[in-house]
Each structure stands twice: as C-alpha cells, then as structure tokens.
Amino acid sequence: MLKGTATACPNHPGVEATVRCKQCSKGICKACVVPGATGVFCSEVCRDKHALFYQRAQEMDGKSRSTALLQARKFLTTLIVIAGVLFALGFVATMVFIPVLTPIVETVRGIIGI
C-alpha cells in the first residue's frame, strides 16, 4: 500500500494506485503491475532498466571485493617484507657490532626472551 496521500493510477485515472514502480516510483494499480525478479514495475521498460542497473551493481560489487582483496594482499606482503628486513638487520646486528643498532637488538631480544 502506498503511504501518504492517495494517488490515481496514471493508466486508470479512476483507480487508486496501490504500489510504486521500483525504478521510477510512479504509483500504479494492481492491473498495471509488471512483475520482475527484483520487484514490481510500471512497465517493461522500467523492469529492463532496473534489471540492467541491478546487473551492473552486482558486477561493480564483485570488482570492489576483488580490489579490496588485492589491497589486503599488498598490505600483508608489505608487512612480511618489513618483518624480513627487520629480522635480517637484527641477525646482522647480533653477529657484528653496529653502534646504534646492536643495543636496540639486544634490548628487543631481552624483551622477547631470546
């Protein structure tokens, strides 16, 4: 049922509109309803426009998910590379005395318990 003021169906002026088209929001009566996979529409044109819109939205949603997955993968790869570089620096600073780095590595190793 439509909320708000009563409106007449554009195709049948004497009949009250009971639903709205999902694409254009035009009020229509039960006789004018064109059913679609995602709702009711006033015409086949609106149904087809909405179907195309829905398909494109689904495609874009899939692309955004794959983009987010790629960003997460890139972030994780960056973290792994940084951890590897830090580990290598710590290993070198343990074997060879480096004035600034060796005391930091020893402190970190003491905290970790290695």
C-alpha atoms as a PDB file:
ATOM      1  CA  MET A   1       0.000   0.000   0.000  1.00  0.00           C
ATOM      2  CA  LEU A   2       1.226   3.484  -0.764  1.00  0.00           C
ATOM      3  CA  LYS A   3       1.965   5.702   2.184  1.00  0.00           C
ATOM      4  CA  GLY A   4       0.918   9.328   2.257  1.00  0.00           C
ATOM      5  CA  THR A   5      -1.757  10.838   0.047  1.00  0.00           C
ATOM      6  CA  ALA A   6      -3.836   8.643  -2.235  1.00  0.00           C
ATOM      7  CA  THR A   7      -2.863   8.830  -5.893  1.00  0.00           C
ATOM      8  CA  ALA A   8      -4.565   7.588  -9.003  1.00  0.00           C
ATOM      9  CA  CYS A   9      -3.006   5.138 -11.431  1.00  0.00           C
ATOM     10  CA  PRO A  10      -1.675   7.052 -14.484  1.00  0.00           C
ATOM     11  CA  ASN A  11      -3.161   4.425 -16.828  1.00  0.00           C
ATOM     12  CA  HIS A  12      -6.506   4.149 -14.992  1.00  0.00           C
ATOM     13  CA  PRO A  13      -7.363   7.591 -13.525  1.00  0.00           C
ATOM     14  CA  GLY A  14     -10.393   6.298 -11.625  1.00  0.00           C
ATOM     15  CA  VAL A  15      -8.415   3.558  -9.826  1.00  0.00           C
ATOM     16  CA  GLU A  16      -6.271   4.173  -6.765  1.00  0.00           C
ATOM     17  CA  ALA A  17      -2.580   3.320  -7.082  1.00  0.00           C
ATOM     18  CA  THR A  18      -1.627   0.608  -4.595  1.00  0.00           C
ATOM     19  CA  VAL A  19       2.080   0.057  -5.304  1.00  0.00           C
ATOM     20  CA  ARG A  20       5.028   2.027  -6.657  1.00  0.00           C
ATOM     21  CA  CYS A  21       7.333   1.129  -9.514  1.00  0.00           C
ATOM     22  CA  LYS A  22      10.725   0.145  -8.131  1.00  0.00           C
ATOM     23  CA  GLN A  23      12.523   2.005 -10.937  1.00  0.00           C
ATOM     24  CA  CYS A  24      10.651   5.312 -11.341  1.00  0.00           C
ATOM     25  CA  SER A  25       8.477   5.341  -8.166  1.00  0.00           C
ATOM     26  CA  LYS A  26       5.330   6.011 -10.182  1.00  0.00           C
ATOM     27  CA  GLY A  27       2.167   4.848  -8.391  1.00  0.00           C
ATOM     28  CA  ILE A  28       0.304   2.093 -10.228  1.00  0.00           C
ATOM     29  CA  CYS A  29      -2.750  -0.091  -9.677  1.00  0.00           C
ATOM     30  CA  LYS A  30      -2.682  -3.887  -9.418  1.00  0.00           C
ATOM     31  CA  ALA A  31      -3.807  -4.252 -13.040  1.00  0.00           C
ATOM     32  CA  CYS A  32      -0.762  -2.323 -14.319  1.00  0.00           C
ATOM     33  CA  VAL A  33       1.861  -4.193 -12.302  1.00  0.00           C
ATOM     34  CA  VAL A  34       4.674  -5.725 -14.356  1.00  0.00           C
ATOM     35  CA  PRO A  35       6.427  -8.258 -12.100  1.00  0.00           C
ATOM     36  CA  GLY A  36      10.193  -8.561 -12.180  1.00  0.00           C
ATOM     37  CA  ALA A  37      12.870 -10.562 -10.405  1.00  0.00           C
ATOM     38  CA  THR A  38      13.629  -7.685  -8.028  1.00  0.00           C
ATOM     39  CA  GLY A  39      10.176  -6.163  -7.519  1.00  0.00           C
ATOM     40  CA  VAL A  40       7.187  -4.672  -9.309  1.00  0.00           C
ATOM     41  CA  PHE A  41       7.357  -2.138 -12.125  1.00  0.00           C
ATOM     42  CA  CYS A  42       5.022   0.117 -14.106  1.00  0.00           C
ATOM     43  CA  SER A  43       6.283  -1.069 -17.494  1.00  0.00           C
ATOM     44  CA  GLU A  44       8.626  -3.488 -19.172  1.00  0.00           C
ATOM     45  CA  VAL A  45      10.950  -0.561 -19.917  1.00  0.00           C
ATOM     46  CA  CYS A  46      11.334   0.197 -16.185  1.00  0.00           C
ATOM     47  CA  ARG A  47      11.744  -3.517 -15.427  1.00  0.00           C
ATOM     48  CA  ASP A  48      14.520  -3.837 -18.014  1.00  0.00           C
ATOM     49  CA  LYS A  49      16.248  -0.632 -16.839  1.00  0.00           C
ATOM     50  CA  HIS A  50      16.217  -1.885 -13.264  1.00  0.00           C
ATOM     51  CA  ALA A  51      17.491  -5.323 -14.300  1.00  0.00           C
ATOM     52  CA  LEU A  52      20.408  -3.671 -16.121  1.00  0.00           C
ATOM     53  CA  PHE A  53      21.108  -1.435 -13.129  1.00  0.00           C
ATOM     54  CA  TYR A  54      21.000  -4.430 -10.772  1.00  0.00           C
ATOM     55  CA  GLN A  55      23.357  -6.427 -13.002  1.00  0.00           C
ATOM     56  CA  ARG A  56      25.861  -3.559 -13.189  1.00  0.00           C
ATOM     57  CA  ALA A  57      25.673  -3.037  -9.423  1.00  0.00           C
ATOM     58  CA  GLN A  58      26.429  -6.741  -8.870  1.00  0.00           C
ATOM     59  CA  GLU A  59      29.401  -6.539 -11.253  1.00  0.00           C
ATOM     60  CA  MET A  60      30.764  -3.457  -9.503  1.00  0.00           C
ATOM     61  CA  ASP A  61      30.296  -5.105  -6.110  1.00  0.00           C
ATOM     62  CA  GLY A  62      32.380  -8.058  -7.304  1.00  0.00           C
ATOM     63  CA  LYS A  63      35.072  -5.708  -8.589  1.00  0.00           C
ATOM     64  CA  SER A  64      35.224  -3.800  -5.312  1.00  0.00           C
ATOM     65  CA  ARG A  65      35.613  -7.058  -3.405  1.00  0.00           C
ATOM     66  CA  SER A  66      38.470  -8.155  -5.640  1.00  0.00           C
ATOM     67  CA  THR A  67      40.054  -4.707  -5.300  1.00  0.00           C
ATOM     68  CA  ALA A  68      39.797  -4.922  -1.516  1.00  0.00           C
ATOM     69  CA  LEU A  69      41.328  -8.405  -1.617  1.00  0.00           C
ATOM     70  CA  LEU A  70      44.232  -7.118  -3.703  1.00  0.00           C
ATOM     71  CA  GLN A  71      44.787  -4.229  -1.296  1.00  0.00           C
ATOM     72  CA  ALA A  72      44.768  -6.600   1.678  1.00  0.00           C
ATOM     73  CA  ARG A  73      47.214  -8.910  -0.082  1.00  0.00           C
ATOM     74  CA  LYS A  74      49.516  -5.962  -0.896  1.00  0.00           C
ATOM     75  CA  PHE A  75      49.384  -4.767   2.728  1.00  0.00           C
ATOM     76  CA  LEU A  76      50.164  -8.256   4.049  1.00  0.00           C
ATOM     77  CA  THR A  77      53.059  -8.625   1.608  1.00  0.00           C
ATOM     78  CA  THR A  78      54.466  -5.269   2.740  1.00  0.00           C
ATOM     79  CA  LEU A  79      54.257  -6.358   6.389  1.00  0.00           C
ATOM     80  CA  ILE A  80      56.061  -9.624   5.626  1.00  0.00           C
ATOM     81  CA  VAL A  81      58.831  -7.799   3.744  1.00  0.00           C
ATOM     82  CA  ILE A  82      59.275  -5.310   6.601  1.00  0.00           C
ATOM     83  CA  ALA A  83      59.412  -8.155   9.132  1.00  0.00           C
ATOM     84  CA  GLY A  84      62.014  -9.952   6.989  1.00  0.00           C
ATOM     85  CA  VAL A  85      64.185  -6.847   6.720  1.00  0.00           C
ATOM     86  CA  LEU A  86      63.953  -6.242  10.478  1.00  0.00           C
ATOM     87  CA  PHE A  87      64.861  -9.877  11.162  1.00  0.00           C
ATOM     88  CA  ALA A  88      67.857  -9.639   8.823  1.00  0.00           C
ATOM     89  CA  LEU A  89      69.031  -6.414  10.475  1.00  0.00           C
ATOM     90  CA  GLY A  90      68.652  -7.994  13.896  1.00  0.00           C
ATOM     91  CA  PHE A  91      70.614 -11.050  12.819  1.00  0.00           C
ATOM     92  CA  VAL A  92      73.438  -8.919  11.396  1.00  0.00           C
ATOM     93  CA  ALA A  93      73.466  -6.684  14.492  1.00  0.00           C
ATOM     94  CA  THR A  94      73.815  -9.822  16.659  1.00  0.00           C
ATOM     95  CA  MET A  95      76.818 -11.093  14.696  1.00  0.00           C
ATOM     96  CA  VAL A  96      78.568  -7.756  14.127  1.00  0.00           C
ATOM     97  CA  PHE A  97      78.638  -4.809  16.497  1.00  0.00           C
ATOM     98  CA  ILE A  98      76.810  -1.850  14.955  1.00  0.00           C
ATOM     99  CA  PRO A  99      76.938   1.127  17.371  1.00  0.00           C
ATOM    100  CA  VAL A 100      73.311   2.228  17.130  1.00  0.00           C
ATOM    101  CA  LEU A 101      71.585  -0.999  16.113  1.00  0.00           C
ATOM    102  CA  THR A 102      73.225  -3.628  18.343  1.00  0.00           C
ATOM    103  CA  PRO A 103      71.993  -2.161  21.688  1.00  0.00           C
ATOM    104  CA  ILE A 104      68.444  -1.925  20.273  1.00  0.00           C
ATOM    105  CA  VAL A 105      68.571  -5.522  19.061  1.00  0.00           C
ATOM    106  CA  GLU A 106      69.849  -6.710  22.447  1.00  0.00           C
ATOM    107  CA  THR A 107      67.038  -4.859  24.232  1.00  0.00           C
ATOM    108  CA  VAL A 108      64.409  -6.340  21.927  1.00  0.00           C
ATOM    109  CA  ARG A 109      65.890  -9.841  22.313  1.00  0.00           C
ATOM    110  CA  GLY A 110      65.808  -9.375  26.112  1.00  0.00           C
ATOM    111  CA  ILE A 111      62.117  -8.388  25.983  1.00  0.00           C
ATOM    112  CA  ILE A 112      61.222 -11.305  23.709  1.00  0.00           C
ATOM    113  CA  GLY A 113      63.343 -13.692  25.737  1.00  0.00           C
ATOM    114  CA  ILE A 114      65.664 -14.898  23.003  1.00  0.00           C
END
